[in-house]
Amino acid sequence: MGFFRKRTASTPVADVESPVYSELNDEHKAFLANHIKLADQAEVDLQDPVSVAEFYELVYATWQTSPDGTLADLREPYCNAAGVAYGELLVRTTPLRWVIAEDSLGREMALHAEQNNTLVYPLNAVEKRWAQGDDGDFIPVLAGAVYKHFGGRG
């Protein structure tokens, strides 16, 4: 089951094979650790969807108020920080775990659980809403949908 993955209209989900999962390498683990450290420094409770939503709004506002000319350069790291925080929230509160998912559309970090073969793309979920200028209210909503999928929180 694929949650929150960006797909183009020209690639129906039915036409994409099931992803192949692999473990994170050291580079991926460092990427996660660095972004989790940013959330920890901001005193984000990575088990609380509201706290993660507030972090999303903080990093989004920080990015928007950065000096002209740096917005494009800073978009990815700020967006990634929020995406990792959302993903880590789900890792800490559900059976999901970080993996690399690869299919015909590409290779990327995702969350997977054998239970119900659940697949979540937290970085894409955040990136999509970031590009739309959404506030952080979507994070508790999406987390709630994932919790419901697993029959409750945790």
N, C-alpha and C. Protein backbone atom coordinates (compact mmCIF):
# COMPACT_ATOMS: atom_id res chain seq x y z
N MET A 1 0.85 -1.17 0.00
CA MET A 1 0.00 0.00 0.00
C MET A 1 0.89 1.23 0.00
N GLY A 2 0.76 2.13 -0.96
CA GLY A 2 1.58 3.32 -1.04
C GLY A 2 0.84 4.54 -0.56
N PHE A 3 1.30 5.11 0.51
CA PHE A 3 0.74 6.36 1.01
C PHE A 3 1.59 7.53 0.56
N PHE A 4 0.99 8.61 0.18
CA PHE A 4 1.61 9.92 0.06
C PHE A 4 2.72 10.02 -0.97
N ARG A 5 2.85 9.10 -1.86
CA ARG A 5 3.90 9.16 -2.87
C ARG A 5 3.43 10.01 -4.02
N LYS A 6 4.27 10.90 -4.48
CA LYS A 6 3.93 11.70 -5.64
C LYS A 6 3.96 10.81 -6.87
N ARG A 7 2.91 10.82 -7.61
CA ARG A 7 2.84 10.07 -8.86
C ARG A 7 2.30 11.02 -9.92
N THR A 8 2.76 10.84 -11.11
CA THR A 8 2.26 11.67 -12.20
C THR A 8 1.04 11.00 -12.80
N ALA A 9 0.21 11.81 -13.44
CA ALA A 9 -0.99 11.28 -14.07
C ALA A 9 -0.62 10.28 -15.17
N SER A 10 0.56 10.41 -15.74
CA SER A 10 0.96 9.53 -16.83
C SER A 10 1.46 8.17 -16.34
N THR A 11 1.61 7.99 -15.02
CA THR A 11 2.06 6.72 -14.49
C THR A 11 1.04 6.20 -13.49
N PRO A 12 0.04 5.44 -13.95
CA PRO A 12 -0.95 4.90 -13.01
C PRO A 12 -0.28 3.98 -12.00
N VAL A 13 -0.75 4.01 -10.78
CA VAL A 13 -0.17 3.19 -9.72
C VAL A 13 -0.19 1.72 -10.12
N ALA A 14 -1.22 1.29 -10.81
CA ALA A 14 -1.32 -0.12 -11.21
C ALA A 14 -0.18 -0.52 -12.15
N ASP A 15 0.42 0.44 -12.85
CA ASP A 15 1.48 0.15 -13.80
C ASP A 15 2.87 0.13 -13.17
N VAL A 16 2.97 0.39 -11.88
CA VAL A 16 4.26 0.43 -11.20
C VAL A 16 4.40 -0.85 -10.38
N GLU A 17 5.52 -1.53 -10.57
CA GLU A 17 5.74 -2.77 -9.83
C GLU A 17 5.93 -2.46 -8.35
N SER A 18 5.79 -3.49 -7.54
CA SER A 18 6.02 -3.33 -6.11
C SER A 18 7.47 -2.95 -5.87
N PRO A 19 7.71 -2.04 -4.94
CA PRO A 19 9.10 -1.64 -4.66
C PRO A 19 9.92 -2.79 -4.08
N VAL A 20 11.20 -2.68 -4.27
CA VAL A 20 12.17 -3.55 -3.63
C VAL A 20 12.76 -2.74 -2.49
N TYR A 21 12.84 -3.34 -1.31
CA TYR A 21 13.32 -2.62 -0.13
C TYR A 21 14.74 -3.03 0.20
N SER A 22 15.52 -2.05 0.62
CA SER A 22 16.86 -2.33 1.10
C SER A 22 17.11 -1.51 2.36
N GLU A 23 18.12 -1.93 3.09
CA GLU A 23 18.47 -1.25 4.33
C GLU A 23 19.17 0.08 4.01
N LEU A 24 19.14 0.97 4.97
CA LEU A 24 19.84 2.24 4.84
C LEU A 24 21.34 2.01 4.89
N ASN A 25 22.08 2.76 4.09
CA ASN A 25 23.54 2.69 4.19
C ASN A 25 24.01 3.77 5.18
N ASP A 26 25.30 3.87 5.40
CA ASP A 26 25.83 4.83 6.37
C ASP A 26 25.48 6.28 6.00
N GLU A 27 25.48 6.58 4.73
CA GLU A 27 25.14 7.94 4.27
C GLU A 27 23.69 8.28 4.61
N HIS A 28 22.79 7.34 4.39
CA HIS A 28 21.38 7.57 4.73
C HIS A 28 21.21 7.73 6.24
N LYS A 29 21.90 6.89 7.00
CA LYS A 29 21.81 6.97 8.46
C LYS A 29 22.33 8.31 8.97
N ALA A 30 23.41 8.81 8.37
CA ALA A 30 23.95 10.12 8.76
C ALA A 30 22.98 11.23 8.39
N PHE A 31 22.36 11.13 7.22
CA PHE A 31 21.35 12.11 6.79
C PHE A 31 20.23 12.19 7.83
N LEU A 32 19.71 11.04 8.23
CA LEU A 32 18.65 11.02 9.24
C LEU A 32 19.14 11.58 10.57
N ALA A 33 20.30 11.14 11.01
CA ALA A 33 20.83 11.58 12.30
C ALA A 33 21.02 13.10 12.33
N ASN A 34 21.54 13.67 11.26
CA ASN A 34 21.75 15.12 11.21
C ASN A 34 20.43 15.88 11.29
N HIS A 35 19.41 15.40 10.60
CA HIS A 35 18.13 16.08 10.62
C HIS A 35 17.38 15.87 11.94
N ILE A 36 17.53 14.69 12.52
CA ILE A 36 16.92 14.44 13.83
C ILE A 36 17.59 15.33 14.88
N LYS A 37 18.90 15.53 14.74
CA LYS A 37 19.62 16.42 15.66
C LYS A 37 19.05 17.84 15.58
N LEU A 38 18.74 18.31 14.38
CA LEU A 38 18.12 19.65 14.24
C LEU A 38 16.79 19.71 14.98
N ALA A 39 15.99 18.67 14.84
CA ALA A 39 14.70 18.64 15.54
C ALA A 39 14.92 18.60 17.05
N ASP A 40 15.88 17.81 17.49
CA ASP A 40 16.18 17.73 18.93
C ASP A 40 16.64 19.09 19.46
N GLN A 41 17.48 19.80 18.69
CA GLN A 41 17.94 21.12 19.11
C GLN A 41 16.79 22.12 19.21
N ALA A 42 15.77 21.92 18.39
CA ALA A 42 14.59 22.78 18.44
C ALA A 42 13.58 22.28 19.47
N GLU A 43 13.96 21.27 20.24
CA GLU A 43 13.14 20.68 21.30
C GLU A 43 11.81 20.14 20.78
N VAL A 44 11.88 19.51 19.61
CA VAL A 44 10.70 18.89 19.02
C VAL A 44 10.47 17.55 19.70
N ASP A 45 9.23 17.29 20.09
CA ASP A 45 8.86 15.99 20.62
C ASP A 45 8.51 15.12 19.41
N LEU A 46 9.40 14.24 19.04
CA LEU A 46 9.22 13.43 17.84
C LEU A 46 8.24 12.28 18.03
N GLN A 47 7.48 12.33 19.11
CA GLN A 47 6.37 11.40 19.30
C GLN A 47 5.05 12.13 19.36
N ASP A 48 5.07 13.44 19.08
CA ASP A 48 3.87 14.26 19.15
C ASP A 48 3.62 14.94 17.81
N PRO A 49 2.54 14.58 17.11
CA PRO A 49 2.27 15.18 15.81
C PRO A 49 2.14 16.71 15.84
N VAL A 50 1.61 17.26 16.91
CA VAL A 50 1.48 18.71 17.00
C VAL A 50 2.86 19.38 17.10
N SER A 51 3.74 18.79 17.88
CA SER A 51 5.10 19.32 18.00
C SER A 51 5.82 19.26 16.66
N VAL A 52 5.65 18.17 15.93
CA VAL A 52 6.28 18.04 14.61
C VAL A 52 5.68 19.05 13.64
N ALA A 53 4.37 19.28 13.71
CA ALA A 53 3.72 20.29 12.87
C ALA A 53 4.27 21.68 13.17
N GLU A 54 4.47 21.98 14.44
CA GLU A 54 5.05 23.27 14.82
C GLU A 54 6.48 23.41 14.28
N PHE A 55 7.24 22.33 14.30
CA PHE A 55 8.60 22.34 13.74
C PHE A 55 8.55 22.61 12.24
N TYR A 56 7.64 21.95 11.54
CA TYR A 56 7.45 22.20 10.11
C TYR A 56 7.22 23.69 9.87
N GLU A 57 6.31 24.28 10.65
CA GLU A 57 6.01 25.70 10.47
C GLU A 57 7.20 26.58 10.81
N LEU A 58 7.97 26.20 11.82
CA LEU A 58 9.17 26.95 12.18
C LEU A 58 10.20 26.94 11.05
N VAL A 59 10.50 25.75 10.52
CA VAL A 59 11.51 25.70 9.46
C VAL A 59 10.99 26.33 8.17
N TYR A 60 9.70 26.23 7.92
CA TYR A 60 9.13 26.86 6.73
C TYR A 60 9.24 28.39 6.85
N ALA A 61 8.89 28.92 8.01
CA ALA A 61 8.98 30.37 8.23
C ALA A 61 10.42 30.84 8.18
N THR A 62 11.34 30.06 8.73
CA THR A 62 12.75 30.41 8.69
C THR A 62 13.25 30.46 7.25
N TRP A 63 12.86 29.47 6.47
CA TRP A 63 13.24 29.45 5.05
C TRP A 63 12.66 30.66 4.32
N GLN A 64 11.40 30.98 4.57
CA GLN A 64 10.76 32.09 3.87
C GLN A 64 11.37 33.44 4.23
N THR A 65 11.89 33.57 5.42
CA THR A 65 12.44 34.86 5.84
C THR A 65 13.94 34.95 5.64
N SER A 66 14.53 33.92 5.01
CA SER A 66 15.97 33.98 4.75
C SER A 66 16.25 35.06 3.71
N PRO A 67 17.46 35.61 3.72
CA PRO A 67 17.79 36.69 2.78
C PRO A 67 17.57 36.28 1.32
N ASP A 68 17.15 37.25 0.52
CA ASP A 68 16.95 36.99 -0.91
C ASP A 68 18.21 36.37 -1.51
N GLY A 69 17.98 35.46 -2.44
CA GLY A 69 19.09 34.80 -3.11
C GLY A 69 19.47 33.49 -2.46
N THR A 70 19.07 33.29 -1.21
CA THR A 70 19.41 32.03 -0.56
C THR A 70 18.20 31.10 -0.46
N LEU A 71 17.02 31.59 -0.80
CA LEU A 71 15.82 30.77 -0.65
C LEU A 71 15.93 29.45 -1.40
N ALA A 72 16.35 29.49 -2.63
CA ALA A 72 16.44 28.27 -3.42
C ALA A 72 17.48 27.32 -2.81
N ASP A 73 18.59 27.86 -2.34
CA ASP A 73 19.65 27.02 -1.77
C ASP A 73 19.22 26.36 -0.46
N LEU A 74 18.39 27.05 0.30
CA LEU A 74 18.00 26.54 1.62
C LEU A 74 16.73 25.71 1.61
N ARG A 75 15.99 25.72 0.51
CA ARG A 75 14.71 25.02 0.47
C ARG A 75 14.87 23.55 0.80
N GLU A 76 15.78 22.88 0.13
CA GLU A 76 15.93 21.44 0.32
C GLU A 76 16.30 21.06 1.74
N PRO A 77 17.33 21.67 2.36
CA PRO A 77 17.66 21.23 3.72
C PRO A 77 16.55 21.53 4.74
N TYR A 78 15.87 22.66 4.60
CA TYR A 78 14.79 22.97 5.54
C TYR A 78 13.62 22.00 5.33
N CYS A 79 13.26 21.77 4.09
CA CYS A 79 12.18 20.85 3.77
C CYS A 79 12.53 19.44 4.24
N ASN A 80 13.77 19.02 4.02
CA ASN A 80 14.21 17.70 4.47
C ASN A 80 14.13 17.57 5.99
N ALA A 81 14.48 18.63 6.71
CA ALA A 81 14.42 18.58 8.18
C ALA A 81 12.99 18.30 8.63
N ALA A 82 12.03 18.97 8.01
CA ALA A 82 10.63 18.74 8.35
C ALA A 82 10.17 17.35 7.93
N GLY A 83 10.61 16.90 6.76
CA GLY A 83 10.24 15.57 6.28
C GLY A 83 10.79 14.46 7.15
N VAL A 84 12.03 14.60 7.58
CA VAL A 84 12.62 13.60 8.47
C VAL A 84 11.90 13.61 9.81
N ALA A 85 11.56 14.78 10.32
CA ALA A 85 10.84 14.86 11.60
C ALA A 85 9.50 14.13 11.50
N TYR A 86 8.79 14.35 10.40
CA TYR A 86 7.52 13.65 10.21
C TYR A 86 7.74 12.14 10.11
N GLY A 87 8.73 11.73 9.35
CA GLY A 87 9.03 10.30 9.23
C GLY A 87 9.42 9.69 10.56
N GLU A 88 10.24 10.39 11.31
CA GLU A 88 10.70 9.87 12.60
C GLU A 88 9.53 9.78 13.58
N LEU A 89 8.60 10.70 13.51
CA LEU A 89 7.37 10.61 14.31
C LEU A 89 6.69 9.27 14.06
N LEU A 90 6.55 8.91 12.78
CA LEU A 90 5.88 7.65 12.45
C LEU A 90 6.71 6.44 12.85
N VAL A 91 8.03 6.53 12.74
CA VAL A 91 8.89 5.42 13.16
C VAL A 91 8.75 5.18 14.66
N ARG A 92 8.67 6.25 15.41
CA ARG A 92 8.62 6.12 16.87
C ARG A 92 7.24 5.75 17.40
N THR A 93 6.20 5.86 16.58
CA THR A 93 4.84 5.65 17.08
C THR A 93 4.06 4.57 16.32
N THR A 94 4.69 3.91 15.36
CA THR A 94 4.04 2.86 14.58
C THR A 94 5.06 1.75 14.29
N PRO A 95 4.65 0.68 13.66
CA PRO A 95 5.60 -0.37 13.27
C PRO A 95 6.48 0.00 12.07
N LEU A 96 6.31 1.17 11.49
CA LEU A 96 7.10 1.57 10.32
C LEU A 96 8.57 1.73 10.66
N ARG A 97 9.43 1.47 9.65
CA ARG A 97 10.87 1.69 9.82
C ARG A 97 11.43 2.27 8.54
N TRP A 98 12.53 2.99 8.66
CA TRP A 98 13.18 3.61 7.50
C TRP A 98 13.78 2.53 6.60
N VAL A 99 13.58 2.68 5.30
CA VAL A 99 14.16 1.80 4.29
C VAL A 99 14.46 2.62 3.04
N ILE A 100 15.10 1.99 2.10
CA ILE A 100 15.21 2.53 0.74
C ILE A 100 14.22 1.74 -0.10
N ALA A 101 13.32 2.43 -0.78
CA ALA A 101 12.34 1.78 -1.65
C ALA A 101 12.73 2.11 -3.09
N GLU A 102 12.80 1.09 -3.91
CA GLU A 102 13.17 1.30 -5.31
C GLU A 102 12.14 0.61 -6.21
N ASP A 103 11.65 1.40 -7.18
CA ASP A 103 10.75 0.86 -8.20
C ASP A 103 11.08 1.54 -9.52
N SER A 104 10.24 1.37 -10.51
CA SER A 104 10.54 1.94 -11.83
C SER A 104 10.53 3.46 -11.83
N LEU A 105 9.97 4.07 -10.79
CA LEU A 105 9.96 5.53 -10.69
C LEU A 105 11.19 6.10 -10.01
N GLY A 106 11.99 5.23 -9.39
CA GLY A 106 13.20 5.72 -8.75
C GLY A 106 13.48 5.03 -7.44
N ARG A 107 14.44 5.61 -6.73
CA ARG A 107 14.94 5.07 -5.46
C ARG A 107 14.91 6.18 -4.44
N GLU A 108 14.29 5.92 -3.29
CA GLU A 108 14.22 6.98 -2.28
C GLU A 108 13.98 6.41 -0.90
N MET A 109 14.26 7.26 0.10
CA MET A 109 14.01 6.87 1.48
C MET A 109 12.51 6.86 1.71
N ALA A 110 12.07 5.85 2.44
CA ALA A 110 10.65 5.70 2.73
C ALA A 110 10.53 4.98 4.07
N LEU A 111 9.30 4.79 4.48
CA LEU A 111 8.99 4.01 5.67
C LEU A 111 8.21 2.79 5.23
N HIS A 112 8.53 1.65 5.81
CA HIS A 112 7.84 0.42 5.44
C HIS A 112 7.57 -0.41 6.69
N ALA A 113 6.44 -1.10 6.66
CA ALA A 113 6.12 -2.09 7.69
C ALA A 113 5.60 -3.33 7.01
N GLU A 114 6.12 -4.47 7.43
CA GLU A 114 5.63 -5.74 6.89
C GLU A 114 4.13 -5.89 7.17
N GLN A 115 3.72 -5.42 8.35
CA GLN A 115 2.30 -5.46 8.72
C GLN A 115 1.50 -4.69 7.67
N ASN A 116 0.62 -5.36 7.00
CA ASN A 116 -0.21 -4.75 5.94
C ASN A 116 0.60 -4.24 4.76
N ASN A 117 1.88 -4.57 4.69
CA ASN A 117 2.76 -4.10 3.62
C ASN A 117 2.60 -2.59 3.40
N THR A 118 2.66 -1.84 4.47
CA THR A 118 2.45 -0.40 4.44
C THR A 118 3.70 0.33 4.00
N LEU A 119 3.53 1.30 3.12
CA LEU A 119 4.63 2.10 2.60
C LEU A 119 4.26 3.57 2.68
N VAL A 120 5.13 4.38 3.29
CA VAL A 120 4.90 5.81 3.45
C VAL A 120 6.14 6.56 2.97
N TYR A 121 5.93 7.64 2.25
CA TYR A 121 7.02 8.49 1.77
C TYR A 121 6.94 9.84 2.49
N PRO A 122 7.49 9.95 3.70
CA PRO A 122 7.33 11.18 4.49
C PRO A 122 8.02 12.39 3.88
N LEU A 123 9.17 12.22 3.26
CA LEU A 123 9.85 13.37 2.66
C LEU A 123 9.02 13.93 1.51
N ASN A 124 8.42 13.06 0.72
CA ASN A 124 7.56 13.53 -0.37
C ASN A 124 6.29 14.18 0.14
N ALA A 125 5.72 13.62 1.21
CA ALA A 125 4.50 14.20 1.79
C ALA A 125 4.75 15.65 2.21
N VAL A 126 5.88 15.87 2.86
CA VAL A 126 6.23 17.22 3.31
C VAL A 126 6.58 18.11 2.12
N GLU A 127 7.37 17.59 1.19
CA GLU A 127 7.78 18.39 0.03
C GLU A 127 6.57 18.88 -0.76
N LYS A 128 5.60 18.02 -0.95
CA LYS A 128 4.39 18.38 -1.70
C LYS A 128 3.65 19.53 -1.01
N ARG A 129 3.47 19.43 0.29
CA ARG A 129 2.74 20.47 1.02
C ARG A 129 3.57 21.74 1.15
N TRP A 130 4.89 21.59 1.25
CA TRP A 130 5.79 22.74 1.31
C TRP A 130 5.66 23.56 0.04
N ALA A 131 5.67 22.87 -1.10
CA ALA A 131 5.57 23.55 -2.39
C ALA A 131 4.24 24.29 -2.54
N GLN A 132 3.20 23.79 -1.89
CA GLN A 132 1.89 24.42 -1.94
C GLN A 132 1.74 25.54 -0.91
N GLY A 133 2.73 25.67 -0.02
CA GLY A 133 2.66 26.68 1.03
C GLY A 133 1.71 26.33 2.16
N ASP A 134 1.44 25.04 2.34
CA ASP A 134 0.53 24.60 3.39
C ASP A 134 1.14 24.82 4.77
N ASP A 135 0.26 25.03 5.76
CA ASP A 135 0.76 25.09 7.13
C ASP A 135 0.92 23.66 7.64
N GLY A 136 1.37 23.52 8.86
CA GLY A 136 1.68 22.21 9.41
C GLY A 136 0.50 21.38 9.86
N ASP A 137 -0.72 21.89 9.68
CA ASP A 137 -1.90 21.15 10.12
C ASP A 137 -2.04 19.79 9.45
N PHE A 138 -1.43 19.62 8.30
CA PHE A 138 -1.55 18.33 7.60
C PHE A 138 -0.83 17.20 8.34
N ILE A 139 0.17 17.53 9.15
CA ILE A 139 0.97 16.48 9.80
C ILE A 139 0.14 15.66 10.79
N PRO A 140 -0.59 16.27 11.71
CA PRO A 140 -1.44 15.44 12.59
C PRO A 140 -2.53 14.69 11.81
N VAL A 141 -3.01 15.27 10.73
CA VAL A 141 -4.04 14.60 9.93
C VAL A 141 -3.46 13.35 9.26
N LEU A 142 -2.31 13.50 8.60
CA LEU A 142 -1.69 12.35 7.95
C LEU A 142 -1.25 11.31 8.97
N ALA A 143 -0.67 11.77 10.08
CA ALA A 143 -0.25 10.82 11.13
C ALA A 143 -1.47 10.07 11.66
N GLY A 144 -2.58 10.78 11.83
CA GLY A 144 -3.81 10.12 12.29
C GLY A 144 -4.28 9.05 11.33
N ALA A 145 -4.16 9.30 10.03
CA ALA A 145 -4.54 8.29 9.03
C ALA A 145 -3.64 7.06 9.13
N VAL A 146 -2.36 7.28 9.36
CA VAL A 146 -1.43 6.16 9.50
C VAL A 146 -1.74 5.39 10.78
N TYR A 147 -1.99 6.11 11.87
CA TYR A 147 -2.32 5.44 13.13
C TYR A 147 -3.58 4.58 12.95
N LYS A 148 -4.57 5.14 12.29
CA LYS A 148 -5.81 4.41 12.04
C LYS A 148 -5.55 3.16 11.22
N HIS A 149 -4.69 3.28 10.24
CA HIS A 149 -4.33 2.14 9.39
C HIS A 149 -3.75 0.99 10.22
N PHE A 150 -3.01 1.32 11.27
CA PHE A 150 -2.42 0.31 12.12
C PHE A 150 -3.33 -0.05 13.31
N GLY A 151 -4.53 0.48 13.34
CA GLY A 151 -5.47 0.13 14.40
C GLY A 151 -5.26 0.91 15.68
N GLY A 152 -4.73 2.11 15.57
CA GLY A 152 -4.50 2.94 16.75
C GLY A 152 -3.07 3.38 16.82
N ARG A 153 -2.78 4.25 17.73
CA ARG A 153 -1.44 4.81 17.86
C ARG A 153 -0.50 3.80 18.47
N GLY A 154 0.73 3.77 17.88
CA GLY A 154 1.80 2.95 18.44
C GLY A 154 1.57 1.53 18.21
